[in-house]
Amino acid sequence: MEKKLCLNCNLPVVGRTDKKFCDDACRSTYHSKCNNADDYVKQINLQLKRNRKILLALNPEGKAKVSRKELQAQGFDFQCFTSIYKTEKNACYYFCYEMGYLLLAQEYVLLVKKKQ
């Protein structure tokens, strides 16, 4: 019969056949490590959703012009986006799902909606 090893420290596990950890400390440490990686992904996804919600609120018609300060005041993060579309004239549109923006001169941003 093959001995089961602790998922955290690889020491032999003694006890029930479905036991995965040698003790409570290893179980806790293992799950903390797993959750920390998930927390980073959750934070990014929350910011992407927040960015999309802000773009939707400020751009109900599909095209609008707003100031960068207005976006930032509402919690918009220019570092979080899902894709980039580069035009033939080298203009870069940044998208949070279907909602996008183009950085303009003089602290303005053009908001757009991707056509389906």
C-alpha atoms as a PDB file:
ATOM      1  CA  MET A   1       0.000   0.000   0.000  1.00  0.00           C
ATOM      2  CA  GLU A   2       1.350   3.388  -0.983  1.00  0.00           C
ATOM      3  CA  LYS A   3       1.837   5.994   1.769  1.00  0.00           C
ATOM      4  CA  LYS A   4       0.124   9.337   1.280  1.00  0.00           C
ATOM      5  CA  LEU A   5       2.271  12.459   1.614  1.00  0.00           C
ATOM      6  CA  CYS A   6       1.267  15.828   3.027  1.00  0.00           C
ATOM      7  CA  LEU A   7       0.421  18.286   0.244  1.00  0.00           C
ATOM      8  CA  ASN A   8       2.368  21.027   2.039  1.00  0.00           C
ATOM      9  CA  CYS A   9       5.541  19.457   3.487  1.00  0.00           C
ATOM     10  CA  ASN A  10       5.649  16.006   1.804  1.00  0.00           C
ATOM     11  CA  LEU A  11       5.901  14.130   5.126  1.00  0.00           C
ATOM     12  CA  PRO A  12       3.903  10.907   5.498  1.00  0.00           C
ATOM     13  CA  VAL A  13       0.252  11.403   6.472  1.00  0.00           C
ATOM     14  CA  VAL A  14      -1.053   9.167   9.251  1.00  0.00           C
ATOM     15  CA  GLY A  15      -4.742   8.698   9.953  1.00  0.00           C
ATOM     16  CA  ARG A  16      -7.831   8.610   7.804  1.00  0.00           C
ATOM     17  CA  THR A  17      -7.505   7.436   4.222  1.00  0.00           C
ATOM     18  CA  ASP A  18      -8.815  10.753   2.849  1.00  0.00           C
ATOM     19  CA  LYS A  19      -6.490  12.903   4.969  1.00  0.00           C
ATOM     20  CA  LYS A  20      -4.334  15.286   2.871  1.00  0.00           C
ATOM     21  CA  PHE A  21      -2.183  17.074   5.476  1.00  0.00           C
ATOM     22  CA  CYS A  22      -0.032  15.889   8.366  1.00  0.00           C
ATOM     23  CA  ASP A  23      -1.412  18.541  10.764  1.00  0.00           C
ATOM     24  CA  ASP A  24      -3.489  21.717  11.024  1.00  0.00           C
ATOM     25  CA  ALA A  25      -0.484  24.011  10.538  1.00  0.00           C
ATOM     26  CA  CYS A  26       0.334  22.424   7.162  1.00  0.00           C
ATOM     27  CA  ARG A  27      -3.317  22.591   6.092  1.00  0.00           C
ATOM     28  CA  SER A  28      -3.508  26.269   7.010  1.00  0.00           C
ATOM     29  CA  THR A  29      -0.196  27.130   5.313  1.00  0.00           C
ATOM     30  CA  TYR A  30      -1.181  25.287   2.131  1.00  0.00           C
ATOM     31  CA  HIS A  31      -4.521  27.084   1.821  1.00  0.00           C
ATOM     32  CA  SER A  32      -2.962  30.476   2.608  1.00  0.00           C
ATOM     33  CA  LYS A  33      -0.510  30.014  -0.273  1.00  0.00           C
ATOM     34  CA  CYS A  34      -3.331  29.056  -2.651  1.00  0.00           C
ATOM     35  CA  ASN A  35      -5.533  31.985  -1.621  1.00  0.00           C
ATOM     36  CA  ASN A  36      -2.759  34.584  -1.961  1.00  0.00           C
ATOM     37  CA  ALA A  37      -2.349  33.769  -5.658  1.00  0.00           C
ATOM     38  CA  ASP A  38      -6.115  33.916  -6.121  1.00  0.00           C
ATOM     39  CA  ASP A  39      -6.320  37.267  -4.293  1.00  0.00           C
ATOM     40  CA  TYR A  40      -4.067  38.923  -6.880  1.00  0.00           C
ATOM     41  CA  VAL A  41      -6.258  37.683  -9.733  1.00  0.00           C
ATOM     42  CA  LYS A  42      -9.401  38.770  -7.874  1.00  0.00           C
ATOM     43  CA  GLN A  43      -7.990  42.287  -7.374  1.00  0.00           C
ATOM     44  CA  ILE A  44      -7.164  42.629 -11.078  1.00  0.00           C
ATOM     45  CA  ASN A  45     -10.604  41.361 -12.105  1.00  0.00           C
ATOM     46  CA  LEU A  46     -12.297  43.766  -9.688  1.00  0.00           C
ATOM     47  CA  GLN A  47     -10.345  46.699 -11.133  1.00  0.00           C
ATOM     48  CA  LEU A  48     -11.201  45.639 -14.706  1.00  0.00           C
ATOM     49  CA  LYS A  49     -14.889  45.467 -13.795  1.00  0.00           C
ATOM     50  CA  ARG A  50     -14.661  48.851 -12.048  1.00  0.00           C
ATOM     51  CA  ASN A  51     -12.985  50.390 -15.118  1.00  0.00           C
ATOM     52  CA  ARG A  52     -15.682  48.966 -17.417  1.00  0.00           C
ATOM     53  CA  LYS A  53     -18.455  50.230 -15.147  1.00  0.00           C
ATOM     54  CA  ILE A  54     -16.945  53.744 -15.135  1.00  0.00           C
ATOM     55  CA  LEU A  55     -16.596  53.736 -18.933  1.00  0.00           C
ATOM     56  CA  LEU A  56     -20.207  52.565 -19.326  1.00  0.00           C
ATOM     57  CA  ALA A  57     -21.503  55.286 -17.005  1.00  0.00           C
ATOM     58  CA  LEU A  58     -19.595  58.085 -18.757  1.00  0.00           C
ATOM     59  CA  ASN A  59     -20.281  56.801 -22.272  1.00  0.00           C
ATOM     60  CA  PRO A  60     -23.945  55.780 -22.598  1.00  0.00           C
ATOM     61  CA  GLU A  61     -24.171  56.785 -26.280  1.00  0.00           C
ATOM     62  CA  GLY A  62     -21.088  54.899 -27.513  1.00  0.00           C
ATOM     63  CA  LYS A  63     -18.770  57.889 -27.949  1.00  0.00           C
ATOM     64  CA  ALA A  64     -17.822  60.645 -25.496  1.00  0.00           C
ATOM     65  CA  LYS A  65     -14.966  62.930 -24.478  1.00  0.00           C
ATOM     66  CA  VAL A  66     -14.008  63.328 -20.803  1.00  0.00           C
ATOM     67  CA  SER A  67     -11.028  64.536 -18.823  1.00  0.00           C
ATOM     68  CA  ARG A  68      -8.454  62.137 -17.379  1.00  0.00           C
ATOM     69  CA  LYS A  69      -8.988  63.715 -13.966  1.00  0.00           C
ATOM     70  CA  GLU A  70     -12.685  62.833 -14.064  1.00  0.00           C
ATOM     71  CA  LEU A  71     -11.856  59.182 -14.780  1.00  0.00           C
ATOM     72  CA  GLN A  72      -9.228  59.045 -12.044  1.00  0.00           C
ATOM     73  CA  ALA A  73     -11.543  60.723  -9.533  1.00  0.00           C
ATOM     74  CA  GLN A  74     -14.007  57.858 -10.026  1.00  0.00           C
ATOM     75  CA  GLY A  75     -11.288  55.240  -9.403  1.00  0.00           C
ATOM     76  CA  PHE A  76     -10.308  54.441 -12.989  1.00  0.00           C
ATOM     77  CA  ASP A  77      -6.911  52.723 -13.314  1.00  0.00           C
ATOM     78  CA  PHE A  78      -5.199  53.313 -16.669  1.00  0.00           C
ATOM     79  CA  GLN A  79      -2.886  50.327 -16.040  1.00  0.00           C
ATOM     80  CA  CYS A  80      -5.749  47.775 -16.164  1.00  0.00           C
ATOM     81  CA  PHE A  81      -7.207  46.894 -19.562  1.00  0.00           C
ATOM     82  CA  THR A  82      -8.020  43.710 -21.462  1.00  0.00           C
ATOM     83  CA  SER A  83      -6.781  44.552 -24.971  1.00  0.00           C
ATOM     84  CA  ILE A  84      -5.191  47.167 -27.217  1.00  0.00           C
ATOM     85  CA  TYR A  85      -6.257  48.101 -30.735  1.00  0.00           C
ATOM     86  CA  LYS A  86      -3.665  49.967 -32.818  1.00  0.00           C
ATOM     87  CA  THR A  87      -4.868  51.900 -35.865  1.00  0.00           C
ATOM     88  CA  GLU A  88      -2.997  52.446 -39.128  1.00  0.00           C
ATOM     89  CA  LYS A  89      -2.090  55.928 -37.854  1.00  0.00           C
ATOM     90  CA  ASN A  90      -0.532  54.361 -34.703  1.00  0.00           C
ATOM     91  CA  ALA A  91      -3.281  55.499 -32.347  1.00  0.00           C
ATOM     92  CA  CYS A  92      -3.729  53.033 -29.475  1.00  0.00           C
ATOM     93  CA  TYR A  93      -7.213  52.310 -28.157  1.00  0.00           C
ATOM     94  CA  TYR A  94      -7.241  50.533 -24.800  1.00  0.00           C
ATOM     95  CA  PHE A  95     -10.229  48.310 -23.998  1.00  0.00           C
ATOM     96  CA  CYS A  96     -11.842  46.970 -20.845  1.00  0.00           C
ATOM     97  CA  TYR A  97     -13.856  44.258 -22.522  1.00  0.00           C
ATOM     98  CA  GLU A  98     -16.046  46.102 -25.103  1.00  0.00           C
ATOM     99  CA  MET A  99     -15.582  49.593 -23.613  1.00  0.00           C
ATOM    100  CA  GLY A 100     -12.501  51.488 -24.745  1.00  0.00           C
ATOM    101  CA  TYR A 101     -10.656  54.766 -24.642  1.00  0.00           C
ATOM    102  CA  LEU A 102      -8.056  56.733 -26.572  1.00  0.00           C
ATOM    103  CA  LEU A 103      -5.715  59.097 -24.745  1.00  0.00           C
ATOM    104  CA  LEU A 104      -5.902  62.532 -26.346  1.00  0.00           C
ATOM    105  CA  ALA A 105      -3.769  65.630 -25.954  1.00  0.00           C
ATOM    106  CA  GLN A 106      -4.496  68.222 -23.269  1.00  0.00           C
ATOM    107  CA  GLU A 107      -5.582  65.730 -20.595  1.00  0.00           C
ATOM    108  CA  TYR A 108      -8.648  64.433 -22.426  1.00  0.00           C
ATOM    109  CA  VAL A 109      -9.792  60.906 -23.201  1.00  0.00           C
ATOM    110  CA  LEU A 110     -12.056  59.771 -26.021  1.00  0.00           C
ATOM    111  CA  LEU A 111     -14.411  57.003 -24.850  1.00  0.00           C
ATOM    112  CA  VAL A 112     -15.672  54.474 -27.396  1.00  0.00           C
ATOM    113  CA  LYS A 113     -17.623  51.247 -27.530  1.00  0.00           C
ATOM    114  CA  LYS A 114     -16.382  48.310 -29.621  1.00  0.00           C
ATOM    115  CA  LYS A 115     -18.774  47.405 -32.425  1.00  0.00           C
ATOM    116  CA  GLN A 116     -20.026  43.820 -32.245  1.00  0.00           C
END
